[in-house]
Protein backbone atom coordinates (compact mmCIF):
# COMPACT_ATOMS: atom_id res chain seq x y z
CA MET A 1 -0.15 0.16 0.07
CA VAL A 2 1.15 3.74 -0.51
CA ARG A 3 -0.23 6.11 1.70
CA HIS A 4 0.12 9.93 2.11
CA ARG A 5 3.14 10.43 4.34
CA ASP A 6 4.03 13.38 6.33
CA GLN A 7 7.46 12.63 5.34
CA PHE A 8 6.96 14.68 1.99
CA PHE A 9 5.44 17.61 3.76
CA LYS A 10 8.33 19.78 3.16
CA VAL A 11 8.31 18.82 -0.19
CA HIS A 12 5.22 20.02 -0.70
CA GLN A 13 5.78 22.87 0.74
CA GLU A 14 8.87 23.78 -1.11
CA ALA A 15 6.47 23.93 -4.49
CA GLU A 16 3.74 25.65 -2.61
CA GLN A 17 6.54 28.21 -2.01
CA LEU A 18 7.70 28.45 -5.70
CA LEU A 19 4.19 28.95 -6.60
CA ARG A 20 4.38 32.23 -4.23
CA GLU A 21 7.15 33.24 -5.74
CA GLN A 22 5.88 32.84 -9.21
CA ARG A 23 2.77 34.61 -7.97
CA ILE A 24 0.67 31.54 -9.42
CA ASP A 25 -2.62 31.13 -7.74
CA ALA A 26 -4.93 29.40 -10.69
CA LEU A 27 -5.24 26.14 -12.26
CA PRO A 28 -3.57 24.98 -14.96
CA ILE A 29 -0.32 25.38 -13.63
CA ASP A 30 2.33 25.58 -16.66
CA PRO A 31 5.49 23.91 -16.03
CA PHE A 32 7.09 24.75 -18.80
CA ALA A 33 6.51 28.56 -18.08
CA ILE A 34 7.83 28.11 -14.75
CA ALA A 35 11.17 26.76 -16.07
CA ARG A 36 12.15 29.42 -18.54
CA LYS A 37 11.25 31.86 -15.59
CA LEU A 38 14.22 30.05 -13.69
CA ASP A 39 16.34 30.55 -16.68
CA ILE A 40 16.28 26.15 -17.28
CA GLU A 41 16.64 25.78 -20.81
CA LEU A 42 14.16 23.08 -22.06
CA LYS A 43 14.74 20.72 -25.04
CA PRO A 44 12.69 17.49 -26.40
CA LEU A 45 14.50 14.45 -25.58
CA PRO A 46 14.81 12.11 -28.87
CA ALA A 47 12.67 9.07 -28.79
CA SER A 48 15.49 6.81 -28.63
CA ALA A 49 16.24 8.05 -25.18
CA GLY A 50 14.36 4.88 -24.31
CA GLY A 51 12.34 4.94 -20.85
CA ALA A 52 14.14 7.93 -19.57
CA SER A 53 10.93 10.28 -18.45
CA GLY A 54 13.20 13.07 -18.19
CA MET A 55 16.61 14.84 -17.82
CA LEU A 56 18.22 17.35 -15.68
CA LEU A 57 21.50 18.82 -17.07
CA HIS A 58 23.99 21.23 -15.58
CA VAL A 59 27.10 22.73 -18.23
CA SER A 60 29.11 25.70 -17.69
CA GLY A 61 26.60 27.23 -15.16
CA VAL A 62 23.51 26.50 -17.13
CA PHE A 63 20.83 24.30 -16.35
CA GLY A 64 18.49 22.43 -18.65
CA ILE A 65 15.60 20.11 -18.65
CA GLY A 66 14.97 17.40 -21.30
CA TYR A 67 11.17 16.24 -21.55
CA PRO A 68 10.25 12.69 -23.03
CA THR A 69 8.50 12.48 -26.42
CA HIS A 70 8.54 8.72 -26.57
CA ILE A 71 5.28 8.75 -24.90
CA SER A 72 2.46 10.73 -26.76
CA ASN A 73 0.70 12.07 -23.59
CA GLU A 74 1.04 15.88 -22.54
CA GLY A 75 -0.25 15.51 -18.74
CA PHE A 76 2.87 13.23 -18.63
CA ARG A 77 5.33 15.61 -20.24
CA ARG A 78 4.29 18.46 -18.00
CA PHE A 79 4.56 16.14 -15.00
CA SER A 80 8.22 15.20 -16.28
CA VAL A 81 9.22 18.66 -16.31
CA ALA A 82 7.63 19.55 -12.92
CA HIS A 83 9.63 16.57 -11.64
CA GLU A 84 12.66 17.90 -12.89
CA ILE A 85 12.34 21.42 -11.51
CA GLY A 86 11.66 19.31 -8.43
CA HIS A 87 15.50 18.03 -8.43
CA TYR A 88 16.53 22.03 -9.28
CA ARG A 89 14.63 22.92 -6.12
CA LEU A 90 14.73 20.58 -3.68
CA PRO A 91 17.70 21.12 -1.11
CA GLY A 92 20.23 18.36 -1.64
CA HIS A 93 18.69 16.96 -4.92
CA ILE A 94 21.35 18.51 -7.24
CA ASP A 95 24.42 17.27 -5.39
CA ALA A 96 23.03 13.81 -4.96
CA VAL A 97 21.69 13.27 -8.44
CA LEU A 98 23.70 14.78 -10.95
CA ASN A 99 26.78 12.41 -12.26
CA ASP A 100 30.03 13.56 -12.99
CA TRP A 101 28.75 14.81 -16.30
CA GLY A 102 26.43 17.07 -14.67
CA GLN A 103 23.63 14.81 -16.32
CA HIS A 104 20.51 13.08 -14.40
CA PHE A 105 18.08 10.69 -16.02
CA SER A 106 14.84 10.30 -14.37
CA LYS A 107 12.24 7.53 -13.99
CA ALA A 108 9.06 9.84 -13.10
CA GLY A 109 5.55 8.59 -12.57
CA PHE A 110 5.27 7.25 -8.75
CA ARG A 111 7.28 3.95 -10.02
CA SER A 112 10.95 4.44 -8.24
CA THR A 113 11.73 3.13 -4.78
CA ASP A 114 14.52 6.10 -4.91
CA ARG A 115 14.14 8.63 -1.89
CA TYR A 116 15.09 11.11 -4.37
CA GLU A 117 12.62 10.35 -7.34
CA GLN A 118 9.92 10.02 -4.53
CA GLU A 119 10.36 13.54 -3.64
CA ALA A 120 10.62 15.13 -7.20
CA ASP A 121 7.48 13.03 -7.97
CA GLN A 122 5.80 14.77 -4.89
CA PHE A 123 7.17 18.01 -5.43
CA ALA A 124 5.76 17.91 -9.37
CA SER A 125 2.44 16.48 -7.74
CA ALA A 126 2.36 19.45 -5.11
CA LEU A 127 3.17 22.03 -8.00
CA LEU A 128 0.63 21.27 -10.78
CA MET A 129 -1.94 20.38 -8.16
CA PRO A 130 -1.61 22.36 -4.98
CA ALA A 131 -3.85 21.21 -2.39
CA LYS A 132 -5.80 24.67 -2.03
CA LEU A 133 -6.72 25.20 -5.58
CA PHE A 134 -6.84 21.50 -5.98
CA VAL A 135 -9.46 20.58 -3.38
CA ALA A 136 -11.39 23.65 -4.20
CA ALA A 137 -11.67 22.22 -7.94
CA ALA A 138 -12.39 18.44 -6.25
CA ASP A 139 -15.51 19.98 -4.27
CA ARG A 140 -17.02 20.90 -7.63
CA ALA A 141 -15.94 17.88 -9.82
CA GLY A 142 -18.23 15.24 -8.29
CA ASP A 143 -17.12 11.76 -7.13
CA GLY A 144 -14.93 8.86 -8.41
CA LEU A 145 -13.68 8.62 -11.85
CA GLN A 146 -15.68 11.29 -13.37
CA ALA A 147 -14.27 13.45 -10.61
CA ILE A 148 -10.51 12.72 -11.53
CA GLU A 149 -11.12 12.95 -15.41
CA THR A 150 -12.95 16.52 -14.50
CA LEU A 151 -9.47 17.54 -12.43
CA GLN A 152 -7.28 15.92 -14.98
CA ALA A 153 -8.68 18.10 -17.88
CA LYS A 154 -8.78 21.40 -15.35
CA CYS A 155 -5.18 20.46 -14.13
CA GLU A 156 -3.87 19.38 -17.64
CA THR A 157 -2.24 16.49 -15.64
CA SER A 158 -2.10 12.65 -16.61
CA LEU A 159 -5.01 10.54 -15.33
CA GLU A 160 -2.28 8.63 -13.15
CA ALA A 161 -1.17 11.77 -11.47
CA THR A 162 -4.56 13.07 -10.68
CA ALA A 163 -6.00 10.10 -9.24
CA ILE A 164 -3.56 9.87 -6.94
CA ARG A 165 -3.46 13.70 -5.80
CA TYR A 166 -7.23 13.03 -5.46
CA ALA A 167 -6.85 10.30 -3.04
CA GLN A 168 -4.19 11.90 -0.96
CA THR A 169 -6.25 15.44 -0.58
CA SER A 170 -9.71 13.84 -0.47
CA ARG A 171 -11.75 14.35 2.55
CA ASP A 172 -13.93 11.14 1.84
CA PRO A 173 -12.76 7.65 2.14
CA VAL A 174 -11.23 7.01 -1.66
CA ALA A 175 -8.87 4.33 -2.78
CA VAL A 176 -7.36 4.60 -6.25
CA ILE A 177 -5.75 1.21 -7.64
CA ARG A 178 -3.64 0.10 -10.53
CA SER A 179 -3.37 -3.29 -11.69
CA GLY A 180 -2.36 -5.60 -14.41
CA ALA A 181 -3.85 -8.85 -15.42
CA ASP A 182 -4.53 -10.32 -12.10
CA THR A 183 -2.25 -8.44 -9.81
CA ILE A 184 -2.38 -5.10 -8.04
CA ASP A 185 0.47 -2.54 -8.70
CA TYR A 186 -0.31 -0.15 -6.00
CA ALA A 187 -3.19 1.42 -4.24
CA ILE A 188 -3.32 4.85 -2.81
CA MET A 189 -6.25 5.19 0.27
CA SER A 190 -7.15 8.68 1.49
CA SER A 191 -6.56 9.43 5.19
CA SER A 192 -9.75 9.13 6.08
CA LEU A 193 -9.92 5.28 5.57
CA MET A 194 -8.00 5.12 8.50
CA ASP A 195 -11.10 5.82 10.61
CA PHE A 196 -12.15 2.09 9.51
CA PRO A 197 -10.12 -0.26 12.25
CA GLY A 198 -9.29 -3.65 11.47
CA LEU A 199 -8.35 -3.13 8.11
CA ASP A 200 -6.20 -5.11 5.92
CA TRP A 201 -4.61 -2.36 3.83
CA ILE A 202 -4.35 -3.12 0.06
CA ARG A 203 -0.76 -4.40 -0.70
CA LYS A 204 1.29 -4.18 -4.02
CA GLY A 205 1.58 -7.49 -5.51
CA THR A 206 -1.42 -9.12 -3.88
CA PRO A 207 -4.16 -10.75 -6.39
CA LEU A 208 -7.21 -8.82 -7.29
CA PRO A 209 -10.55 -10.14 -5.25
CA SER A 210 -11.93 -12.89 -7.15
CA GLY A 211 -15.19 -11.60 -8.94
CA SER A 212 -14.81 -8.16 -8.43
CA THR A 213 -15.74 -5.78 -11.39
CA THR A 214 -11.94 -5.25 -11.98
CA ALA A 215 -10.78 -8.88 -12.10
CA ASP A 216 -13.64 -9.22 -14.52
CA PHE A 217 -12.57 -6.52 -16.47
CA ASN A 218 -8.81 -7.39 -16.59
CA ALA A 219 -9.59 -11.15 -17.55
CA ASP A 220 -9.81 -9.62 -21.01
CA ALA A 221 -6.61 -7.85 -22.00
CA ASP A 222 -8.73 -5.86 -24.84
CA ASN A 223 -10.78 -4.14 -22.14
CA ILE A 224 -7.51 -2.57 -21.39
CA ALA A 225 -5.99 -1.95 -24.38
CA ARG A 226 -9.20 -0.44 -26.37
CA GLY A 227 -9.50 1.90 -22.70
CA ARG A 228 -13.03 0.30 -21.94
CA ARG A 229 -14.53 0.90 -18.60
CA ALA A 230 -16.90 -0.59 -16.28
CA GLU A 231 -18.62 0.10 -13.11
CA GLY A 232 -20.19 -1.88 -10.46
CA GLN A 233 -20.71 -2.65 -6.94
CA SER A 234 -18.18 -4.33 -4.85
CA CYS A 235 -18.13 -5.54 -1.15
CA PHE A 236 -16.01 -3.71 1.31
CA GLN A 237 -14.70 -7.09 2.49
CA ASP A 238 -13.40 -8.35 -0.64
CA TRP A 239 -10.98 -5.36 -0.80
CA PHE A 240 -9.94 -4.70 2.77
CA SER A 241 -10.72 -7.74 4.44
CA GLY A 242 -11.73 -6.62 8.46
CA PRO A 243 -15.03 -6.49 10.15
CA HIS A 244 -16.84 -3.84 7.90
CA ARG A 245 -19.89 -5.12 5.55
CA GLN A 246 -21.10 -2.71 3.22
CA GLU A 247 -21.32 -2.30 -0.64
CA ILE A 248 -19.16 0.29 -2.49
CA VAL A 249 -18.82 1.62 -5.87
CA GLU A 250 -15.89 0.40 -8.08
CA GLU A 251 -15.27 2.06 -11.08
CA VAL A 252 -12.34 0.40 -13.89
CA VAL A 253 -10.78 2.16 -17.01
CA GLY A 254 -8.26 0.56 -18.96
CA LEU A 255 -5.41 2.42 -19.60
CA GLY A 256 -4.55 1.51 -23.41
CA SER A 257 -0.93 0.64 -24.59
CA TYR A 258 0.10 1.13 -21.12
CA GLY A 259 -1.27 -2.53 -20.34
CA LYS A 260 -2.63 -1.29 -16.93
CA ALA A 261 -5.99 -0.72 -15.48
CA ARG A 262 -7.39 2.20 -13.19
CA THR A 263 -9.83 1.46 -10.59
CA VAL A 264 -11.56 3.87 -8.10
CA LEU A 265 -13.39 2.41 -4.93
CA THR A 266 -15.82 5.30 -3.51
CA GLY A 267 -19.10 5.13 -1.57
CA MET A 268 -17.51 3.95 1.58
CA GLU A 269 -19.46 4.66 4.93
CA PRO A 270 -17.35 5.65 8.15
CA PRO A 271 -17.92 2.75 10.44
CA ASP A 272 -19.57 4.90 13.00
CA GLU A 273 -22.23 5.67 10.35
CA THR A 274 -22.78 2.21 9.19
CA GLU A 275 -22.69 0.77 12.71
CA ASP A 276 -25.68 3.09 13.78
CA GLU A 277 -27.62 2.18 10.54
CA GLU A 278 -27.32 -1.60 11.66
CA GLY A 279 -28.57 -0.66 15.27
CA ASP A 280 -31.53 1.07 14.06
CA LEU A 281 -32.31 -1.65 11.63
CA GLU A 282 -31.98 -3.93 14.57
CA LYS A 283 -34.41 -1.83 16.94
CA SER A 284 -37.12 -1.71 14.19
CA TRP A 285 -36.90 -5.24 14.01
CA ALA A 286 -37.37 -5.67 17.78
CA VAL A 287 -40.26 -3.52 17.77
CA ARG A 288 -41.80 -5.45 14.70
CA PHE A 289 -41.32 -8.70 16.34
CA PRO A 290 -41.36 -8.70 19.88
CA ARG A 291 -39.81 -11.54 21.71
């Protein structure tokens, strides 16, 4: 499981400080424009650069950012530039990541276990989707997958980055999951899910719940490749185990050539509300069927 952690608080503060310096207070936020104002040169990386998501370069006192062209996704490119700005701005990053030739190739996109890559990802997320602006937009965006896609368009970000930020900042119990075939790649859950005691958190590498909408959807690889989507009802316990019994909303969309699927779980009632409803139901039965 991946959750929002306080260890990134200072990273998010650095991103917000940069926005204040640039006097930016509206969405969408253009990382290309920010880089230029910081006197960082921007150049597209050749498609032959392989899996690199971006590059930070320092030569003769001049910084440059190379952004990817091998993926036709403008949101991903914007995130990659923001990621490199994170390496440029975050304390200690330049000394840690640049090699002897003043180069650093990144793997942006929440995939790395390296501390500096994780911090640059978190910086990029907070830069492109600052909490105050993002939460205000989310309040008007609806729920679930529809909300994420609305926010994606508003912020001009990738679906993956937007989904992760949505879960990190949501006031409601929400989980976003990426999966491939029958296995979970990762899951990110909103902090309000911590109000549910006794949960087994969704973990990387575990099988999808048998019979879930996502498991049935992923069973046909064509669903993922063609970007199809599905919605259904799931049992809370199937995903989280634990003592809480309730039906929840499960939405899933294929991510095309990426070969993965994105699942959003919503409609989860906090345990106190669920228990109150069950108690009221038991009392009504007791009145109608006296012993």
